[in-house]
């Protein structure tokens, strides 16, 4: 869910926000 919608349809701001969300979630995968 943190990944967000279709990447190609995102604005640059949405892409950066999606990237922030993914960065927050990666430690959960590693844990």
ModelCIF file with pLDDT and N, C-alpha, C, O atoms, coordinates in Angstrom:
data_MODEL
#
_entry.id   MODEL 
#
_entity.id                         1 
_entity.type                       polymer 
_entity.pdbx_number_of_molecules   1 
#
_entity_poly.entity_id                      1 
_entity_poly.type                           'polypeptide(L)' 
_entity_poly.nstd_linkage                   no 
_entity_poly.nstd_monomer                   no 
_entity_poly.pdbx_seq_one_letter_code       
;(UNK)(UNK)(UNK)(UNK)(UNK)(UNK)(UNK)(UNK)(UNK)(UNK)(UNK)(UNK)(UNK)(UNK)(UNK)(UNK)
(UNK)(UNK)(UNK)(UNK)(UNK)(UNK)(UNK)(UNK)(UNK)(UNK)(UNK)(UNK)(UNK)(UNK)(UNK)
;
_entity_poly.pdbx_seq_one_letter_code_can   XXXXXXXXXXXXXXXXXXXXXXXXXXXXXXX 
_entity_poly.pdbx_strand_id                 A 
#
loop_
_entity_poly_seq.entity_id 
_entity_poly_seq.num 
_entity_poly_seq.mon_id 
_entity_poly_seq.hetero 
1 1  UNK n 
1 2  UNK n 
1 3  UNK n 
1 4  UNK n 
1 5  UNK n 
1 6  UNK n 
1 7  UNK n 
1 8  UNK n 
1 9  UNK n 
1 10 UNK n 
1 11 UNK n 
1 12 UNK n 
1 13 UNK n 
1 14 UNK n 
1 15 UNK n 
1 16 UNK n 
1 17 UNK n 
1 18 UNK n 
1 19 UNK n 
1 20 UNK n 
1 21 UNK n 
1 22 UNK n 
1 23 UNK n 
1 24 UNK n 
1 25 UNK n 
1 26 UNK n 
1 27 UNK n 
1 28 UNK n 
1 29 UNK n 
1 30 UNK n 
1 31 UNK n 
#
_struct_asym.id          A 
_struct_asym.entity_id   1 
#
loop_
_ma_qa_metric.id 
_ma_qa_metric.mode 
_ma_qa_metric.name 
_ma_qa_metric.software_group_id 
_ma_qa_metric.type 
1 global pLDDT . pLDDT 
2 local  pLDDT . pLDDT 
#
_ma_qa_metric_global.metric_id      1 
_ma_qa_metric_global.metric_value   82.71 
_ma_qa_metric_global.model_id       1 
_ma_qa_metric_global.ordinal_id     1 
#
loop_
_ma_qa_metric_local.label_asym_id 
_ma_qa_metric_local.label_comp_id 
_ma_qa_metric_local.label_seq_id 
_ma_qa_metric_local.metric_id 
_ma_qa_metric_local.metric_value 
_ma_qa_metric_local.model_id 
_ma_qa_metric_local.ordinal_id 
A UNK 1  2 76.00 1 1  
A UNK 2  2 70.00 1 2  
A UNK 3  2 73.00 1 3  
A UNK 4  2 68.00 1 4  
A UNK 5  2 71.00 1 5  
A UNK 6  2 82.00 1 6  
A UNK 7  2 86.00 1 7  
A UNK 8  2 85.00 1 8  
A UNK 9  2 88.00 1 9  
A UNK 10 2 88.00 1 10 
A UNK 11 2 89.00 1 11 
A UNK 12 2 89.00 1 12 
A UNK 13 2 88.00 1 13 
A UNK 14 2 88.00 1 14 
A UNK 15 2 88.00 1 15 
A UNK 16 2 88.00 1 16 
A UNK 17 2 87.00 1 17 
A UNK 18 2 85.00 1 18 
A UNK 19 2 86.00 1 19 
A UNK 20 2 85.00 1 20 
A UNK 21 2 83.00 1 21 
A UNK 22 2 85.00 1 22 
A UNK 23 2 85.00 1 23 
A UNK 24 2 83.00 1 24 
A UNK 25 2 82.00 1 25 
A UNK 26 2 84.00 1 26 
A UNK 27 2 84.00 1 27 
A UNK 28 2 80.00 1 28 
A UNK 29 2 79.00 1 29 
A UNK 30 2 79.00 1 30 
A UNK 31 2 80.00 1 31 
#
loop_
_atom_site.group_PDB 
_atom_site.id 
_atom_site.type_symbol 
_atom_site.label_atom_id 
_atom_site.label_alt_id 
_atom_site.label_comp_id 
_atom_site.label_asym_id 
_atom_site.label_entity_id 
_atom_site.label_seq_id 
_atom_site.pdbx_PDB_ins_code 
_atom_site.Cartn_x 
_atom_site.Cartn_y 
_atom_site.Cartn_z 
_atom_site.occupancy 
_atom_site.B_iso_or_equiv 
_atom_site.pdbx_formal_charge 
_atom_site.auth_seq_id 
_atom_site.auth_comp_id 
_atom_site.auth_asym_id 
_atom_site.auth_atom_id 
_atom_site.pdbx_PDB_model_num 
ATOM 1   N N  . UNK A 1 1  ? 0.834  -1.210 0.000   1.00 76.00 ? 1  UNK A N  1 
ATOM 2   C CA . UNK A 1 1  ? 0.000  0.000  0.000   1.00 76.00 ? 1  UNK A CA 1 
ATOM 3   C C  . UNK A 1 1  ? 0.869  1.261  0.000   1.00 76.00 ? 1  UNK A C  1 
ATOM 4   O O  . UNK A 1 1  ? 0.539  2.252  -0.651  1.00 76.00 ? 1  UNK A O  1 
ATOM 5   N N  . UNK A 1 2  ? 1.965  1.211  0.727   1.00 70.00 ? 2  UNK A N  1 
ATOM 6   C CA . UNK A 1 2  ? 2.863  2.369  0.802   1.00 70.00 ? 2  UNK A CA 1 
ATOM 7   C C  . UNK A 1 2  ? 3.449  2.696  -0.561  1.00 70.00 ? 2  UNK A C  1 
ATOM 8   O O  . UNK A 1 2  ? 3.831  3.835  -0.829  1.00 70.00 ? 2  UNK A O  1 
ATOM 9   N N  . UNK A 1 3  ? 3.513  1.703  -1.404  1.00 73.00 ? 3  UNK A N  1 
ATOM 10  C CA . UNK A 1 3  ? 4.032  1.881  -2.752  1.00 73.00 ? 3  UNK A CA 1 
ATOM 11  C C  . UNK A 1 3  ? 3.180  2.880  -3.529  1.00 73.00 ? 3  UNK A C  1 
ATOM 12  O O  . UNK A 1 3  ? 3.702  3.650  -4.336  1.00 73.00 ? 3  UNK A O  1 
ATOM 13  N N  . UNK A 1 4  ? 1.884  2.868  -3.290  1.00 68.00 ? 4  UNK A N  1 
ATOM 14  C CA . UNK A 1 4  ? 1.014  3.814  -3.970  1.00 68.00 ? 4  UNK A CA 1 
ATOM 15  C C  . UNK A 1 4  ? 0.438  3.257  -5.251  1.00 68.00 ? 4  UNK A C  1 
ATOM 16  O O  . UNK A 1 4  ? 0.447  2.049  -5.487  1.00 68.00 ? 4  UNK A O  1 
ATOM 17  N N  . UNK A 1 5  ? -0.059 4.153  -6.065  1.00 71.00 ? 5  UNK A N  1 
ATOM 18  C CA . UNK A 1 5  ? -0.762 3.807  -7.307  1.00 71.00 ? 5  UNK A CA 1 
ATOM 19  C C  . UNK A 1 5  ? 0.216  3.504  -8.440  1.00 71.00 ? 5  UNK A C  1 
ATOM 20  O O  . UNK A 1 5  ? 1.383  3.185  -8.210  1.00 71.00 ? 5  UNK A O  1 
ATOM 21  N N  . UNK A 1 6  ? -0.279 3.609  -9.643  1.00 82.00 ? 6  UNK A N  1 
ATOM 22  C CA . UNK A 1 6  ? 0.529  3.389  -10.837 1.00 82.00 ? 6  UNK A CA 1 
ATOM 23  C C  . UNK A 1 6  ? 1.581  4.486  -10.933 1.00 82.00 ? 6  UNK A C  1 
ATOM 24  O O  . UNK A 1 6  ? 1.240  5.667  -11.005 1.00 82.00 ? 6  UNK A O  1 
ATOM 25  N N  . UNK A 1 7  ? 2.815  4.117  -10.934 1.00 86.00 ? 7  UNK A N  1 
ATOM 26  C CA . UNK A 1 7  ? 3.932  5.058  -10.906 1.00 86.00 ? 7  UNK A CA 1 
ATOM 27  C C  . UNK A 1 7  ? 3.883  6.044  -12.072 1.00 86.00 ? 7  UNK A C  1 
ATOM 28  O O  . UNK A 1 7  ? 4.156  7.232  -11.900 1.00 86.00 ? 7  UNK A O  1 
ATOM 29  N N  . UNK A 1 8  ? 3.538  5.553  -13.243 1.00 85.00 ? 8  UNK A N  1 
ATOM 30  C CA . UNK A 1 8  ? 3.526  6.408  -14.438 1.00 85.00 ? 8  UNK A CA 1 
ATOM 31  C C  . UNK A 1 8  ? 2.490  7.526  -14.342 1.00 85.00 ? 8  UNK A C  1 
ATOM 32  O O  . UNK A 1 8  ? 2.639  8.566  -14.983 1.00 85.00 ? 8  UNK A O  1 
ATOM 33  N N  . UNK A 1 9  ? 1.441  7.316  -13.543 1.00 88.00 ? 9  UNK A N  1 
ATOM 34  C CA . UNK A 1 9  ? 0.380  8.320  -13.421 1.00 88.00 ? 9  UNK A CA 1 
ATOM 35  C C  . UNK A 1 9  ? 0.649  9.346  -12.326 1.00 88.00 ? 9  UNK A C  1 
ATOM 36  O O  . UNK A 1 9  ? -0.126 10.287 -12.154 1.00 88.00 ? 9  UNK A O  1 
ATOM 37  N N  . UNK A 1 10 ? 1.733  9.175  -11.590 1.00 88.00 ? 10 UNK A N  1 
ATOM 38  C CA . UNK A 1 10 ? 2.027  10.073 -10.469 1.00 88.00 ? 10 UNK A CA 1 
ATOM 39  C C  . UNK A 1 10 ? 2.688  11.365 -10.940 1.00 88.00 ? 10 UNK A C  1 
ATOM 40  O O  . UNK A 1 10 ? 3.400  11.389 -11.944 1.00 88.00 ? 10 UNK A O  1 
ATOM 41  N N  . UNK A 1 11 ? 2.438  12.433 -10.194 1.00 89.00 ? 11 UNK A N  1 
ATOM 42  C CA . UNK A 1 11 ? 3.149  13.688 -10.410 1.00 89.00 ? 11 UNK A CA 1 
ATOM 43  C C  . UNK A 1 11 ? 4.527  13.551 -9.762  1.00 89.00 ? 11 UNK A C  1 
ATOM 44  O O  . UNK A 1 11 ? 4.739  12.633 -8.970  1.00 89.00 ? 11 UNK A O  1 
ATOM 45  N N  . UNK A 1 12 ? 5.465  14.442 -10.080 1.00 89.00 ? 12 UNK A N  1 
ATOM 46  C CA . UNK A 1 12 ? 6.770  14.373 -9.405  1.00 89.00 ? 12 UNK A CA 1 
ATOM 47  C C  . UNK A 1 12 ? 6.652  14.428 -7.874  1.00 89.00 ? 12 UNK A C  1 
ATOM 48  O O  . UNK A 1 12 ? 7.385  13.732 -7.172  1.00 89.00 ? 12 UNK A O  1 
ATOM 49  N N  . UNK A 1 13 ? 5.736  15.248 -7.362  1.00 88.00 ? 13 UNK A N  1 
ATOM 50  C CA . UNK A 1 13 ? 5.563  15.339 -5.910  1.00 88.00 ? 13 UNK A CA 1 
ATOM 51  C C  . UNK A 1 13 ? 5.044  14.022 -5.346  1.00 88.00 ? 13 UNK A C  1 
ATOM 52  O O  . UNK A 1 13 ? 5.485  13.589 -4.281  1.00 88.00 ? 13 UNK A O  1 
ATOM 53  N N  . UNK A 1 14 ? 4.101  13.375 -6.057  1.00 88.00 ? 14 UNK A N  1 
ATOM 54  C CA . UNK A 1 14 ? 3.577  12.087 -5.601  1.00 88.00 ? 14 UNK A CA 1 
ATOM 55  C C  . UNK A 1 14 ? 4.663  11.014 -5.659  1.00 88.00 ? 14 UNK A C  1 
ATOM 56  O O  . UNK A 1 14 ? 4.721  10.146 -4.789  1.00 88.00 ? 14 UNK A O  1 
ATOM 57  N N  . UNK A 1 15 ? 5.516  11.068 -6.667  1.00 88.00 ? 15 UNK A N  1 
ATOM 58  C CA . UNK A 1 15 ? 6.612  10.103 -6.761  1.00 88.00 ? 15 UNK A CA 1 
ATOM 59  C C  . UNK A 1 15 ? 7.558  10.258 -5.578  1.00 88.00 ? 15 UNK A C  1 
ATOM 60  O O  . UNK A 1 15 ? 8.006  9.264  -5.007  1.00 88.00 ? 15 UNK A O  1 
ATOM 61  N N  . UNK A 1 16 ? 7.862  11.495 -5.208  1.00 88.00 ? 16 UNK A N  1 
ATOM 62  C CA . UNK A 1 16 ? 8.755  11.712 -4.068  1.00 88.00 ? 16 UNK A CA 1 
ATOM 63  C C  . UNK A 1 16 ? 8.090  11.246 -2.773  1.00 88.00 ? 16 UNK A C  1 
ATOM 64  O O  . UNK A 1 16 ? 8.754  10.672 -1.910  1.00 88.00 ? 16 UNK A O  1 
ATOM 65  N N  . UNK A 1 17 ? 6.776  11.489 -2.629  1.00 87.00 ? 17 UNK A N  1 
ATOM 66  C CA . UNK A 1 17 ? 6.066  11.032 -1.428  1.00 87.00 ? 17 UNK A CA 1 
ATOM 67  C C  . UNK A 1 17 ? 6.014  9.507  -1.376  1.00 87.00 ? 17 UNK A C  1 
ATOM 68  O O  . UNK A 1 17 ? 6.202  8.920  -0.310  1.00 87.00 ? 17 UNK A O  1 
ATOM 69  N N  . UNK A 1 18 ? 5.762  8.862  -2.512  1.00 85.00 ? 18 UNK A N  1 
ATOM 70  C CA . UNK A 1 18 ? 5.765  7.400  -2.563  1.00 85.00 ? 18 UNK A CA 1 
ATOM 71  C C  . UNK A 1 18 ? 7.143  6.870  -2.176  1.00 85.00 ? 18 UNK A C  1 
ATOM 72  O O  . UNK A 1 18 ? 7.252  5.883  -1.448  1.00 85.00 ? 18 UNK A O  1 
ATOM 73  N N  . UNK A 1 19 ? 8.182  7.519  -2.659  1.00 86.00 ? 19 UNK A N  1 
ATOM 74  C CA . UNK A 1 19 ? 9.542  7.108  -2.317  1.00 86.00 ? 19 UNK A CA 1 
ATOM 75  C C  . UNK A 1 19 ? 9.785  7.245  -0.813  1.00 86.00 ? 19 UNK A C  1 
ATOM 76  O O  . UNK A 1 19 ? 10.421 6.384  -0.206  1.00 86.00 ? 19 UNK A O  1 
ATOM 77  N N  . UNK A 1 20 ? 9.283  8.320  -0.217  1.00 85.00 ? 20 UNK A N  1 
ATOM 78  C CA . UNK A 1 20 ? 9.422  8.494  1.240   1.00 85.00 ? 20 UNK A CA 1 
ATOM 79  C C  . UNK A 1 20 ? 8.707  7.360  1.978   1.00 85.00 ? 20 UNK A C  1 
ATOM 80  O O  . UNK A 1 20 ? 9.238  6.802  2.938   1.00 85.00 ? 20 UNK A O  1 
ATOM 81  N N  . UNK A 1 21 ? 7.489  7.026  1.516   1.00 83.00 ? 21 UNK A N  1 
ATOM 82  C CA . UNK A 1 21 ? 6.727  5.951  2.152   1.00 83.00 ? 21 UNK A CA 1 
ATOM 83  C C  . UNK A 1 21 ? 7.461  4.617  2.053   1.00 83.00 ? 21 UNK A C  1 
ATOM 84  O O  . UNK A 1 21 ? 7.523  3.859  3.020   1.00 83.00 ? 21 UNK A O  1 
ATOM 85  N N  . UNK A 1 22 ? 8.009  4.343  0.891   1.00 85.00 ? 22 UNK A N  1 
ATOM 86  C CA . UNK A 1 22 ? 8.754  3.094  0.701   1.00 85.00 ? 22 UNK A CA 1 
ATOM 87  C C  . UNK A 1 22 ? 9.982  3.073  1.606   1.00 85.00 ? 22 UNK A C  1 
ATOM 88  O O  . UNK A 1 22 ? 10.302 2.041  2.195   1.00 85.00 ? 22 UNK A O  1 
ATOM 89  N N  . UNK A 1 23 ? 10.669 4.204  1.718   1.00 85.00 ? 23 UNK A N  1 
ATOM 90  C CA . UNK A 1 23 ? 11.853 4.273  2.589   1.00 85.00 ? 23 UNK A CA 1 
ATOM 91  C C  . UNK A 1 23 ? 11.492 3.960  4.032   1.00 85.00 ? 23 UNK A C  1 
ATOM 92  O O  . UNK A 1 23 ? 12.278 3.343  4.752   1.00 85.00 ? 23 UNK A O  1 
ATOM 93  N N  . UNK A 1 24 ? 10.305 4.383  4.458   1.00 83.00 ? 24 UNK A N  1 
ATOM 94  C CA . UNK A 1 24 ? 9.867  4.092  5.827   1.00 83.00 ? 24 UNK A CA 1 
ATOM 95  C C  . UNK A 1 24 ? 9.555  2.609  6.017   1.00 83.00 ? 24 UNK A C  1 
ATOM 96  O O  . UNK A 1 24 ? 9.700  2.077  7.118   1.00 83.00 ? 24 UNK A O  1 
ATOM 97  N N  . UNK A 1 25 ? 9.126  1.939  4.938   1.00 82.00 ? 25 UNK A N  1 
ATOM 98  C CA . UNK A 1 25 ? 8.684  0.554  5.061   1.00 82.00 ? 25 UNK A CA 1 
ATOM 99  C C  . UNK A 1 25 ? 9.810  -0.471 4.877   1.00 82.00 ? 25 UNK A C  1 
ATOM 100 O O  . UNK A 1 25 ? 9.690  -1.598 5.357   1.00 82.00 ? 25 UNK A O  1 
ATOM 101 N N  . UNK A 1 26 ? 10.883 -0.111 4.203   1.00 84.00 ? 26 UNK A N  1 
ATOM 102 C CA . UNK A 1 26 ? 11.964 -1.068 3.937   1.00 84.00 ? 26 UNK A CA 1 
ATOM 103 C C  . UNK A 1 26 ? 12.519 -1.683 5.222   1.00 84.00 ? 26 UNK A C  1 
ATOM 104 O O  . UNK A 1 26 ? 12.774 -2.887 5.244   1.00 84.00 ? 26 UNK A O  1 
ATOM 105 N N  . UNK A 1 27 ? 12.717 -0.912 6.291   1.00 84.00 ? 27 UNK A N  1 
ATOM 106 C CA . UNK A 1 27 ? 13.196 -1.556 7.529   1.00 84.00 ? 27 UNK A CA 1 
ATOM 107 C C  . UNK A 1 27 ? 12.258 -2.661 8.032   1.00 84.00 ? 27 UNK A C  1 
ATOM 108 O O  . UNK A 1 27 ? 12.710 -3.615 8.665   1.00 84.00 ? 27 UNK A O  1 
ATOM 109 N N  . UNK A 1 28 ? 10.949 -2.534 7.753   1.00 80.00 ? 28 UNK A N  1 
ATOM 110 C CA . UNK A 1 28 ? 10.005 -3.577 8.169   1.00 80.00 ? 28 UNK A CA 1 
ATOM 111 C C  . UNK A 1 28 ? 10.268 -4.882 7.428   1.00 80.00 ? 28 UNK A C  1 
ATOM 112 O O  . UNK A 1 28 ? 10.194 -5.961 8.016   1.00 80.00 ? 28 UNK A O  1 
ATOM 113 N N  . UNK A 1 29 ? 10.579 -4.781 6.127   1.00 79.00 ? 29 UNK A N  1 
ATOM 114 C CA . UNK A 1 29 ? 10.901 -5.981 5.349   1.00 79.00 ? 29 UNK A CA 1 
ATOM 115 C C  . UNK A 1 29 ? 12.171 -6.616 5.912   1.00 79.00 ? 29 UNK A C  1 
ATOM 116 O O  . UNK A 1 29 ? 12.243 -7.831 6.094   1.00 79.00 ? 29 UNK A O  1 
ATOM 117 N N  . UNK A 1 30 ? 13.151 -5.793 6.179   1.00 79.00 ? 30 UNK A N  1 
ATOM 118 C CA . UNK A 1 30 ? 14.423 -6.307 6.670   1.00 79.00 ? 30 UNK A CA 1 
ATOM 119 C C  . UNK A 1 30 ? 14.272 -6.927 8.055   1.00 79.00 ? 30 UNK A C  1 
ATOM 120 O O  . UNK A 1 30 ? 14.926 -7.923 8.363   1.00 79.00 ? 30 UNK A O  1 
ATOM 121 N N  . UNK A 1 31 ? 13.414 -6.344 8.892   1.00 80.00 ? 31 UNK A N  1 
ATOM 122 C CA . UNK A 1 31 ? 13.175 -6.912 10.224  1.00 80.00 ? 31 UNK A CA 1 
ATOM 123 C C  . UNK A 1 31 ? 12.524 -8.284 10.095  1.00 80.00 ? 31 UNK A C  1 
ATOM 124 O O  . UNK A 1 31 ? 12.241 -8.931 11.104  1.00 80.00 ? 31 UNK A O  1 
#
